[in-house]
C-alpha atoms as a PDB file:
ATOM      1  CA  MET A   1      67.271  35.982  79.096  1.00  0.00           C
ATOM      2  CA  ALA A   2      66.615  33.517  81.064  1.00  0.00           C
ATOM      3  CA  MET A   3      63.324  34.598  81.975  1.00  0.00           C
ATOM      4  CA  THR A   4      62.523  35.582  78.337  1.00  0.00           C
ATOM      5  CA  ARG A   5      63.378  31.478  77.897  1.00  0.00           C
ATOM      6  CA  GLN A   6      61.273  30.292  80.302  1.00  0.00           C
ATOM      7  CA  LYS A   7      58.809  32.508  79.178  1.00  0.00           C
ATOM      8  CA  LYS A   8      58.946  31.168  75.728  1.00  0.00           C
ATOM      9  CA  LEU A   9      58.594  27.584  77.009  1.00  0.00           C
ATOM     10  CA  LEU A  10      55.624  28.251  79.131  1.00  0.00           C
ATOM     11  CA  ILE A  11      53.532  30.045  76.622  1.00  0.00           C
ATOM     12  CA  THR A  12      54.470  26.941  74.336  1.00  0.00           C
ATOM     13  CA  TYR A  13      53.357  24.319  76.931  1.00  0.00           C
ATOM     14  CA  SER A  14      50.149  26.726  77.801  1.00  0.00           C
ATOM     15  CA  LEU A  15      49.425  26.540  73.937  1.00  0.00           C
ATOM     16  CA  SER A  16      50.379  22.634  73.839  1.00  0.00           C
ATOM     17  CA  TYR A  17      47.860  21.920  76.506  1.00  0.00           C
ATOM     18  CA  VAL A  18      45.224  24.386  75.113  1.00  0.00           C
ATOM     19  CA  PHE A  19      45.491  22.680  71.546  1.00  0.00           C
ATOM     20  CA  LEU A  20      45.561  19.004  73.345  1.00  0.00           C
ATOM     21  CA  ILE A  21      42.351  19.815  75.511  1.00  0.00           C
ATOM     22  CA  ALA A  22      40.945  21.137  72.342  1.00  0.00           C
ATOM     23  CA  VAL A  23      41.329  17.784  70.579  1.00  0.00           C
ATOM     24  CA  GLY A  24      40.380  16.032  73.597  1.00  0.00           C
ATOM     25  CA  ILE A  25      37.012  17.716  73.625  1.00  0.00           C
ATOM     26  CA  SER A  26      36.229  17.240  69.635  1.00  0.00           C
ATOM     27  CA  MET A  27      37.216  13.663  69.698  1.00  0.00           C
ATOM     28  CA  LEU A  28      34.459  13.611  73.412  1.00  0.00           C
ATOM     29  CA  ALA A  29      31.690  15.550  71.449  1.00  0.00           C
ATOM     30  CA  PRO A  30      30.347  12.658  69.333  1.00  0.00           C
ATOM     31  CA  LEU A  31      30.110  10.491  72.325  1.00  0.00           C
ATOM     32  CA  LEU A  32      28.608  13.346  74.750  1.00  0.00           C
ATOM     33  CA  TRP A  33      25.963  13.544  72.260  1.00  0.00           C
ATOM     34  CA  MET A  34      25.374   9.801  71.771  1.00  0.00           C
ATOM     35  CA  VAL A  35      24.828   9.174  75.843  1.00  0.00           C
ATOM     36  CA  SER A  36      22.995  12.608  75.397  1.00  0.00           C
ATOM     37  CA  THR A  37      20.489  11.570  72.447  1.00  0.00           C
ATOM     38  CA  SER A  38      19.914   7.936  73.860  1.00  0.00           C
ATOM     39  CA  VAL A  39      17.970   9.879  76.727  1.00  0.00           C
ATOM     40  CA  LYS A  40      15.873  12.330  75.144  1.00  0.00           C
ATOM     41  CA  SER A  41      12.422  12.005  74.397  1.00  0.00           C
ATOM     42  CA  PRO A  42      11.507  10.198  71.227  1.00  0.00           C
ATOM     43  CA  ASP A  43       9.907  13.433  69.979  1.00  0.00           C
ATOM     44  CA  ALA A  44      12.584  15.513  70.691  1.00  0.00           C
ATOM     45  CA  ASP A  45      14.685  17.701  67.542  1.00  0.00           C
ATOM     46  CA  VAL A  46      17.575  15.310  68.570  1.00  0.00           C
ATOM     47  CA  LEU A  47      19.387  17.332  65.549  1.00  0.00           C
ATOM     48  CA  ASN A  48      18.850  20.742  66.982  1.00  0.00           C
ATOM     49  CA  PRO A  49      22.177  21.380  68.685  1.00  0.00           C
ATOM     50  CA  ALA A  50      20.916  23.806  70.846  1.00  0.00           C
ATOM     51  CA  GLN A  51      19.357  21.256  72.505  1.00  0.00           C
ATOM     52  CA  PHE A  52      22.372  19.093  73.401  1.00  0.00           C
ATOM     53  CA  LEU A  53      21.120  17.901  77.338  1.00  0.00           C
ATOM     54  CA  PRO A  54      17.795  16.691  77.164  1.00  0.00           C
ATOM     55  CA  GLU A  55      15.240  18.336  79.243  1.00  0.00           C
ATOM     56  CA  LYS A  56      14.031  15.311  81.484  1.00  0.00           C
ATOM     57  CA  ILE A  57      15.903  11.902  81.158  1.00  0.00           C
ATOM     58  CA  HIS A  58      14.035   8.986  79.582  1.00  0.00           C
ATOM     59  CA  TRP A  59      15.558   6.072  81.130  1.00  0.00           C
ATOM     60  CA  GLU A  60      13.127   3.827  79.291  1.00  0.00           C
ATOM     61  CA  ASN A  61      14.437   3.978  75.554  1.00  0.00           C
ATOM     62  CA  TYR A  62      16.812   1.238  77.137  1.00  0.00           C
ATOM     63  CA  ARG A  63      14.179  -0.612  77.682  1.00  0.00           C
ATOM     64  CA  THR A  64      12.541  -0.457  74.922  1.00  0.00           C
ATOM     65  CA  VAL A  65      15.485  -1.396  73.262  1.00  0.00           C
ATOM     66  CA  MET A  66      16.509  -4.399  75.293  1.00  0.00           C
ATOM     67  CA  VAL A  67      12.793  -5.542  75.897  1.00  0.00           C
ATOM     68  CA  GLU A  68      10.655  -4.839  72.755  1.00  0.00           C
ATOM     69  CA  THR A  69      13.216  -5.585  70.575  1.00  0.00           C
ATOM     70  CA  ASN A  70      15.455  -8.767  69.747  1.00  0.00           C
ATOM     71  CA  PHE A  71      18.557  -6.845  71.357  1.00  0.00           C
ATOM     72  CA  GLY A  72      19.075  -8.832  74.530  1.00  0.00           C
ATOM     73  CA  ARG A  73      19.601 -12.124  71.877  1.00  0.00           C
ATOM     74  CA  ALA A  74      21.671  -9.797  69.908  1.00  0.00           C
ATOM     75  CA  LEU A  75      24.117  -8.924  73.025  1.00  0.00           C
ATOM     76  CA  PHE A  76      24.249 -12.533  73.940  1.00  0.00           C
ATOM     77  CA  ASN A  77      25.534 -13.632  70.782  1.00  0.00           C
ATOM     78  CA  SER A  78      28.253 -10.882  70.255  1.00  0.00           C
ATOM     79  CA  PHE A  79      29.327 -11.911  74.062  1.00  0.00           C
ATOM     80  CA  LEU A  80      29.393 -15.758  72.687  1.00  0.00           C
ATOM     81  CA  VAL A  81      30.672 -14.977  69.437  1.00  0.00           C
ATOM     82  CA  THR A  82      33.207 -12.035  70.633  1.00  0.00           C
ATOM     83  CA  ILE A  83      34.701 -13.965  73.633  1.00  0.00           C
ATOM     84  CA  SER A  84      35.214 -17.480  71.570  1.00  0.00           C
ATOM     85  CA  VAL A  85      36.621 -15.555  68.814  1.00  0.00           C
ATOM     86  CA  THR A  86      39.331 -13.744  70.837  1.00  0.00           C
ATOM     87  CA  PHE A  87      40.191 -17.004  72.896  1.00  0.00           C
ATOM     88  CA  GLY A  88      40.506 -19.209  69.770  1.00  0.00           C
ATOM     89  CA  GLN A  89      42.631 -16.574  68.085  1.00  0.00           C
ATOM     90  CA  VAL A  90      44.899 -15.933  70.968  1.00  0.00           C
ATOM     91  CA  LEU A  91      45.498 -19.434  71.465  1.00  0.00           C
ATOM     92  CA  THR A  92      46.026 -20.527  67.964  1.00  0.00           C
ATOM     93  CA  SER A  93      48.049 -17.595  66.983  1.00  0.00           C
ATOM     94  CA  SER A  94      50.549 -18.172  70.231  1.00  0.00           C
ATOM     95  CA  LEU A  95      50.694 -21.996  69.343  1.00  0.00           C
ATOM     96  CA  ALA A  96      51.998 -20.602  65.858  1.00  0.00           C
ATOM     97  CA  ALA A  97      53.880 -18.066  66.482  1.00  0.00           C
ATOM     98  CA  PHE A  98      55.871 -20.233  69.544  1.00  0.00           C
ATOM     99  CA  ALA A  99      56.397 -22.641  66.571  1.00  0.00           C
ATOM    100  CA  PHE A 100      57.533 -19.955  64.201  1.00  0.00           C
ATOM    101  CA  ALA A 101      60.033 -18.343  66.633  1.00  0.00           C
ATOM    102  CA  ARG A 102      61.106 -21.479  68.905  1.00  0.00           C
ATOM    103  CA  LEU A 103      61.023 -24.484  67.012  1.00  0.00           C
ATOM    104  CA  LYS A 104      62.975 -25.692  64.373  1.00  0.00           C
ATOM    105  CA  PHE A 105      61.931 -27.779  61.314  1.00  0.00           C
ATOM    106  CA  VAL A 106      62.400 -27.920  57.772  1.00  0.00           C
ATOM    107  CA  GLY A 107      60.945 -24.921  55.680  1.00  0.00           C
ATOM    108  CA  ARG A 108      60.287 -22.570  59.088  1.00  0.00           C
ATOM    109  CA  ASP A 109      60.769 -19.329  57.592  1.00  0.00           C
ATOM    110  CA  ARG A 110      59.407 -20.261  53.907  1.00  0.00           C
ATOM    111  CA  ILE A 111      55.883 -21.211  55.610  1.00  0.00           C
ATOM    112  CA  PHE A 112      56.118 -18.251  57.925  1.00  0.00           C
ATOM    113  CA  PHE A 113      56.846 -15.944  54.792  1.00  0.00           C
ATOM    114  CA  ALA A 114      53.973 -17.731  52.497  1.00  0.00           C
ATOM    115  CA  TYR A 115      51.854 -17.454  56.201  1.00  0.00           C
ATOM    116  CA  LEU A 116      52.818 -14.051  56.106  1.00  0.00           C
ATOM    117  CA  ALA A 117      51.642 -12.922  52.994  1.00  0.00           C
ATOM    118  CA  THR A 118      48.146 -13.926  53.289  1.00  0.00           C
ATOM    119  CA  MET A 119      48.114 -10.356  54.986  1.00  0.00           C
ATOM    120  CA  MET A 120      48.335  -8.179  52.023  1.00  0.00           C
ATOM    121  CA  ILE A 121      44.837 -10.156  50.674  1.00  0.00           C
ATOM    122  CA  PRO A 122      42.201  -7.916  51.349  1.00  0.00           C
ATOM    123  CA  GLY A 123      39.158  -9.497  53.645  1.00  0.00           C
ATOM    124  CA  ALA A 124      36.858  -8.734  50.964  1.00  0.00           C
ATOM    125  CA  VAL A 125      38.310 -11.025  48.246  1.00  0.00           C
ATOM    126  CA  THR A 126      38.004 -14.109  50.572  1.00  0.00           C
ATOM    127  CA  MET A 127      34.623 -13.392  51.506  1.00  0.00           C
ATOM    128  CA  ILE A 128      32.901 -15.042  49.084  1.00  0.00           C
ATOM    129  CA  PRO A 129      35.109 -18.535  49.026  1.00  0.00           C
ATOM    130  CA  VAL A 130      35.045 -18.746  52.805  1.00  0.00           C
ATOM    131  CA  PHE A 131      31.521 -18.362  52.416  1.00  0.00           C
ATOM    132  CA  ILE A 132      31.065 -21.089  49.997  1.00  0.00           C
ATOM    133  CA  LEU A 133      33.372 -23.350  51.973  1.00  0.00           C
ATOM    134  CA  LEU A 134      30.704 -22.971  54.647  1.00  0.00           C
ATOM    135  CA  ARG A 135      27.757 -23.583  53.108  1.00  0.00           C
ATOM    136  CA  GLN A 136      29.126 -26.881  52.085  1.00  0.00           C
ATOM    137  CA  LEU A 137      29.907 -27.508  55.748  1.00  0.00           C
ATOM    138  CA  HIS A 138      26.238 -26.506  56.412  1.00  0.00           C
ATOM    139  CA  TRP A 139      27.681 -23.614  58.935  1.00  0.00           C
ATOM    140  CA  VAL A 140      25.724 -20.713  57.337  1.00  0.00           C
ATOM    141  CA  ASN A 141      23.325 -19.185  60.066  1.00  0.00           C
ATOM    142  CA  THR A 142      25.165 -20.983  62.679  1.00  0.00           C
ATOM    143  CA  TYR A 143      27.415 -19.963  65.339  1.00  0.00           C
ATOM    144  CA  TRP A 144      30.124 -22.111  64.055  1.00  0.00           C
ATOM    145  CA  GLY A 145      29.920 -20.134  61.044  1.00  0.00           C
ATOM    146  CA  LEU A 146      30.634 -16.875  63.070  1.00  0.00           C
ATOM    147  CA  ILE A 147      33.398 -17.945  65.138  1.00  0.00           C
ATOM    148  CA  ILE A 148      35.446 -20.248  63.100  1.00  0.00           C
ATOM    149  CA  PRO A 149      36.245 -18.354  60.595  1.00  0.00           C
ATOM    150  CA  GLY A 150      37.722 -15.226  63.073  1.00  0.00           C
ATOM    151  CA  MET A 151      39.820 -17.470  65.026  1.00  0.00           C
ATOM    152  CA  PHE A 152      43.154 -17.728  62.991  1.00  0.00           C
ATOM    153  CA  SER A 153      44.964 -14.438  62.376  1.00  0.00           C
ATOM    154  CA  ALA A 154      48.030 -13.975  60.247  1.00  0.00           C
ATOM    155  CA  TYR A 155      49.047 -10.885  62.016  1.00  0.00           C
ATOM    156  CA  GLY A 156      48.399 -11.937  65.405  1.00  0.00           C
ATOM    157  CA  THR A 157      50.982 -14.772  64.792  1.00  0.00           C
ATOM    158  CA  PHE A 158      53.414 -11.777  63.423  1.00  0.00           C
ATOM    159  CA  MET A 159      53.018  -9.876  66.457  1.00  0.00           C
ATOM    160  CA  LEU A 160      53.404 -12.652  68.997  1.00  0.00           C
ATOM    161  CA  ARG A 161      56.571 -14.402  67.057  1.00  0.00           C
ATOM    162  CA  GLN A 162      58.702 -11.169  66.951  1.00  0.00           C
ATOM    163  CA  PHE A 163      57.872 -10.897  70.539  1.00  0.00           C
ATOM    164  CA  PHE A 164      58.479 -14.157  71.456  1.00  0.00           C
ATOM    165  CA  MET A 165      61.461 -14.009  69.632  1.00  0.00           C
ATOM    166  CA  GLY A 166      63.126 -11.516  72.079  1.00  0.00           C
ATOM    167  CA  ILE A 167      62.856 -13.666  74.974  1.00  0.00           C
ATOM    168  CA  SER A 168      66.280 -15.116  76.173  1.00  0.00           C
ATOM    169  CA  SER A 169      66.582 -18.711  74.680  1.00  0.00           C
ATOM    170  CA  GLU A 170      68.472 -18.955  78.294  1.00  0.00           C
ATOM    171  CA  LEU A 171      65.605 -19.221  80.008  1.00  0.00           C
ATOM    172  CA  GLU A 172      64.276 -22.173  77.292  1.00  0.00           C
ATOM    173  CA  ASP A 173      67.258 -24.085  77.724  1.00  0.00           C
ATOM    174  CA  ALA A 174      67.196 -24.035  81.742  1.00  0.00           C
ATOM    175  CA  ALA A 175      63.246 -25.200  81.317  1.00  0.00           C
ATOM    176  CA  ILE A 176      64.448 -28.165  78.856  1.00  0.00           C
ATOM    177  CA  ILE A 177      67.089 -28.848  81.237  1.00  0.00           C
ATOM    178  CA  ASP A 178      64.612 -29.200  84.046  1.00  0.00           C
ATOM    179  CA  GLY A 179      62.540 -31.705  81.841  1.00  0.00           C
ATOM    180  CA  CYS A 180      60.191 -29.260  80.522  1.00  0.00           C
ATOM    181  CA  SER A 181      58.794 -30.351  76.774  1.00  0.00           C
ATOM    182  CA  ALA A 182      58.243 -28.053  74.213  1.00  0.00           C
ATOM    183  CA  LEU A 183      54.512 -27.445  75.121  1.00  0.00           C
ATOM    184  CA  GLY A 184      55.754 -27.042  78.777  1.00  0.00           C
ATOM    185  CA  VAL A 185      58.210 -24.099  77.329  1.00  0.00           C
ATOM    186  CA  TYR A 186      55.341 -22.777  75.610  1.00  0.00           C
ATOM    187  CA  TRP A 187      53.219 -23.038  78.656  1.00  0.00           C
ATOM    188  CA  HIS A 188      55.254 -22.145  82.109  1.00  0.00           C
ATOM    189  CA  VAL A 189      58.079 -19.909  80.271  1.00  0.00           C
ATOM    190  CA  ILE A 190      56.902 -17.815  77.026  1.00  0.00           C
ATOM    191  CA  LEU A 191      53.402 -17.589  77.947  1.00  0.00           C
ATOM    192  CA  PRO A 192      54.066 -16.143  81.614  1.00  0.00           C
ATOM    193  CA  LEU A 193      56.636 -13.780  79.810  1.00  0.00           C
ATOM    194  CA  SER A 194      54.079 -12.439  77.264  1.00  0.00           C
ATOM    195  CA  LYS A 195      51.563 -11.059  78.939  1.00  0.00           C
ATOM    196  CA  PRO A 196      51.923  -7.487  77.365  1.00  0.00           C
ATOM    197  CA  ALA A 197      51.968  -9.084  74.023  1.00  0.00           C
ATOM    198  CA  LEU A 198      48.874 -11.330  74.776  1.00  0.00           C
ATOM    199  CA  ALA A 199      46.858  -8.627  76.098  1.00  0.00           C
ATOM    200  CA  THR A 200      47.230  -6.290  73.466  1.00  0.00           C
ATOM    201  CA  LEU A 201      46.159  -8.773  70.997  1.00  0.00           C
ATOM    202  CA  THR A 202      43.290  -9.851  73.192  1.00  0.00           C
ATOM    203  CA  ILE A 203      42.020  -5.857  73.077  1.00  0.00           C
ATOM    204  CA  LEU A 204      42.461  -5.908  69.569  1.00  0.00           C
ATOM    205  CA  THR A 205      40.754  -8.836  69.035  1.00  0.00           C
ATOM    206  CA  PHE A 206      37.899  -8.294  70.991  1.00  0.00           C
ATOM    207  CA  MET A 207      37.126  -4.649  69.493  1.00  0.00           C
ATOM    208  CA  GLY A 208      37.684  -5.920  66.140  1.00  0.00           C
ATOM    209  CA  SER A 209      35.023  -8.799  66.708  1.00  0.00           C
ATOM    210  CA  TRP A 210      32.949  -7.138  68.881  1.00  0.00           C
ATOM    211  CA  ARG A 211      32.415  -4.257  66.132  1.00  0.00           C
ATOM    212  CA  ASN A 212      32.230  -6.542  62.867  1.00  0.00           C
ATOM    213  CA  PHE A 213      29.608  -5.909  60.612  1.00  0.00           C
ATOM    214  CA  MET A 214      30.172  -7.243  57.346  1.00  0.00           C
ATOM    215  CA  TRP A 215      30.605 -10.818  57.969  1.00  0.00           C
ATOM    216  CA  PRO A 216      27.656 -11.513  60.420  1.00  0.00           C
ATOM    217  CA  LEU A 217      25.600  -9.689  57.785  1.00  0.00           C
ATOM    218  CA  ILE A 218      27.023 -11.936  55.196  1.00  0.00           C
ATOM    219  CA  ILE A 219      26.714 -15.136  57.120  1.00  0.00           C
ATOM    220  CA  THR A 220      23.805 -14.572  58.751  1.00  0.00           C
ATOM    221  CA  HIS A 221      19.652 -14.251  58.117  1.00  0.00           C
ATOM    222  CA  THR A 222      17.777 -14.789  61.096  1.00  0.00           C
ATOM    223  CA  ARG A 223      17.000 -12.912  64.124  1.00  0.00           C
ATOM    224  CA  ASP A 224      18.234 -15.654  66.635  1.00  0.00           C
ATOM    225  CA  LYS A 225      21.887 -15.194  65.107  1.00  0.00           C
ATOM    226  CA  PHE A 226      22.217 -11.593  64.504  1.00  0.00           C
ATOM    227  CA  THR A 227      24.992  -9.766  66.638  1.00  0.00           C
ATOM    228  CA  LEU A 228      24.833  -6.188  67.837  1.00  0.00           C
ATOM    229  CA  PRO A 229      25.897  -4.270  64.883  1.00  0.00           C
ATOM    230  CA  VAL A 230      23.489  -6.177  62.312  1.00  0.00           C
ATOM    231  CA  ALA A 231      20.769  -5.621  65.118  1.00  0.00           C
ATOM    232  CA  LEU A 232      21.681  -2.081  65.636  1.00  0.00           C
ATOM    233  CA  ALA A 233      21.184  -1.902  61.728  1.00  0.00           C
ATOM    234  CA  GLN A 234      17.920  -3.722  61.760  1.00  0.00           C
ATOM    235  CA  PHE A 235      16.584  -0.260  64.223  1.00  0.00           C
ATOM    236  CA  GLN A 236      15.978   1.622  60.731  1.00  0.00           C
ATOM    237  CA  GLU A 237      13.616  -1.046  59.343  1.00  0.00           C
ATOM    238  CA  MET A 238      11.938  -1.811  62.583  1.00  0.00           C
ATOM    239  CA  PHE A 239      11.138   1.914  63.826  1.00  0.00           C
ATOM    240  CA  GLY A 240      12.522   4.196  61.033  1.00  0.00           C
ATOM    241  CA  VAL A 241      15.184   6.496  61.819  1.00  0.00           C
ATOM    242  CA  GLN A 242      14.257   7.205  65.589  1.00  0.00           C
ATOM    243  CA  TRP A 243      17.270   8.450  66.907  1.00  0.00           C
ATOM    244  CA  THR A 244      16.972   7.952  70.462  1.00  0.00           C
ATOM    245  CA  LEU A 245      16.618   4.246  69.962  1.00  0.00           C
ATOM    246  CA  MET A 246      19.389   4.293  67.607  1.00  0.00           C
ATOM    247  CA  MET A 247      21.955   5.772  70.051  1.00  0.00           C
ATOM    248  CA  ALA A 248      20.772   3.863  73.474  1.00  0.00           C
ATOM    249  CA  GLY A 249      21.457   0.536  71.517  1.00  0.00           C
ATOM    250  CA  SER A 250      24.998   2.272  70.589  1.00  0.00           C
ATOM    251  CA  VAL A 251      25.510   3.088  74.025  1.00  0.00           C
ATOM    252  CA  ILE A 252      25.067  -0.259  75.350  1.00  0.00           C
ATOM    253  CA  MET A 253      27.456  -1.791  72.424  1.00  0.00           C
ATOM    254  CA  ILE A 254      30.293   0.609  73.597  1.00  0.00           C
ATOM    255  CA  ILE A 255      30.228  -0.299  76.757  1.00  0.00           C
ATOM    256  CA  PRO A 256      31.894  -3.921  76.583  1.00  0.00           C
ATOM    257  CA  MET A 257      34.972  -2.112  74.411  1.00  0.00           C
ATOM    258  CA  LEU A 258      35.311   0.239  77.043  1.00  0.00           C
ATOM    259  CA  VAL A 259      35.660  -1.945  79.938  1.00  0.00           C
ATOM    260  CA  VAL A 260      38.002  -4.597  78.359  1.00  0.00           C
ATOM    261  CA  PHE A 261      40.284  -1.081  77.334  1.00  0.00           C
ATOM    262  CA  ILE A 262      40.194   0.413  80.825  1.00  0.00           C
ATOM    263  CA  PHE A 263      40.930  -3.069  82.307  1.00  0.00           C
ATOM    264  CA  GLY A 264      43.447  -3.788  79.532  1.00  0.00           C
ATOM    265  CA  GLN A 265      45.176  -0.608  78.922  1.00  0.00           C
ATOM    266  CA  ARG A 266      48.228  -1.008  81.559  1.00  0.00           C
ATOM    267  CA  TYR A 267      49.187  -4.576  79.521  1.00  0.00           C
ATOM    268  CA  PHE A 268      48.628  -2.479  76.444  1.00  0.00           C
ATOM    269  CA  VAL A 269      50.730   0.445  76.839  1.00  0.00           C
ATOM    270  CA  GLU A 270      53.386  -1.673  78.638  1.00  0.00           C
ATOM    271  CA  GLY A 271      53.125  -4.024  75.178  1.00  0.00           C
ATOM    272  CA  ILE A 272      54.019  -0.847  73.352  1.00  0.00           C
ATOM    273  CA  GLN A 273      57.078   0.327  75.691  1.00  0.00           C
ATOM    274  CA  LEU A 274      58.594  -3.075  75.506  1.00  0.00           C
ATOM    275  CA  GLY A 275      58.139  -3.213  71.591  1.00  0.00           C
ATOM    276  CA  ALA A 276      59.479   0.318  71.281  1.00  0.00           C
ATOM    277  CA  LEU A 277      62.689  -0.343  73.908  1.00  0.00           C
ATOM    278  CA  LYS A 278      63.422  -3.731  71.469  1.00  0.00           C
ATOM    279  CA  GLY A 279      63.012  -1.909  68.573  1.00  0.00           C
END
C-alpha cells in the first residue's frame, strides 16, 4: 500500500515537472526565435520554421540598427525618460503614501478614496485632456511632456500606503521621542523598512515606462525625441518589414528590462512574501 502511494506521488510529481518544463519551453521559444532571427542574414527566410538557427551569425545587424538608424538616440531618450519617471514616481508615491498612512489631517481618508477612484478611469480617457494641457504649457515634443505625466501614480501610492500601514507605530513613536520630524521618520524609519515594496514599485514602473508606446507616440513628432518603442515601430517605414533588423532592435530593447528584473527579483519576491504574510 505504501509503495503504491509513493509510486502515485512520484508519477504525479514527474508529470508536474514535465508540464512545467513544457510551459517554460513554450514561453522561451518566442524569445529564442527573436534572438536567432536578430543574427540571421538579411535575405534569410526568417519565417521558415525549419531554419530556426542561423547558418551564419551576422552581428552586423546590430551595427546597422545602432549606426545607420536613429536607434542610439532613441536608446538615450528611453533611458532618460524611464529613469526620470521611475525616480519621480517612487518619490511622489512614497511621500503621498506616508502622508495617507502616518499623518493625521482633516479629510485624509476621503481624499485618499477620491485619489484611489482615479484608478477606475482608463488612461485613454485622460490622454486628450493631458495633451491639451501640455500643449498650453508648450511641452509637446519635449522631455518634460514625456516625463512629468508619468511621475504620479495612484496605484503606487495605494500599494506603498498599504505597506507603510503594516510597519509598527512603536518605531515611529521612538523616532519622534528621539527628535525626528515627520520627514525624519519618513527618511530614517519608513523607507529603510520598505525596501521590498519600493523595489517592487521600481521594477513595475521601470518596465511600464520602458515599454510605453502610446504616450510617446502622441506627445512626440520628431525623431530626436522618439523612445525605443516608437523608433522600433518606425523600422517598418524606414526599411519595410526587415525582420532581422526589427528583432535586433527588439533584443536591444528587452535587455535593460531583464537586467532590472534579475537584480531586483530578490526584493520583488520578498515583497510578495511579506504581503502574503500580512494578508
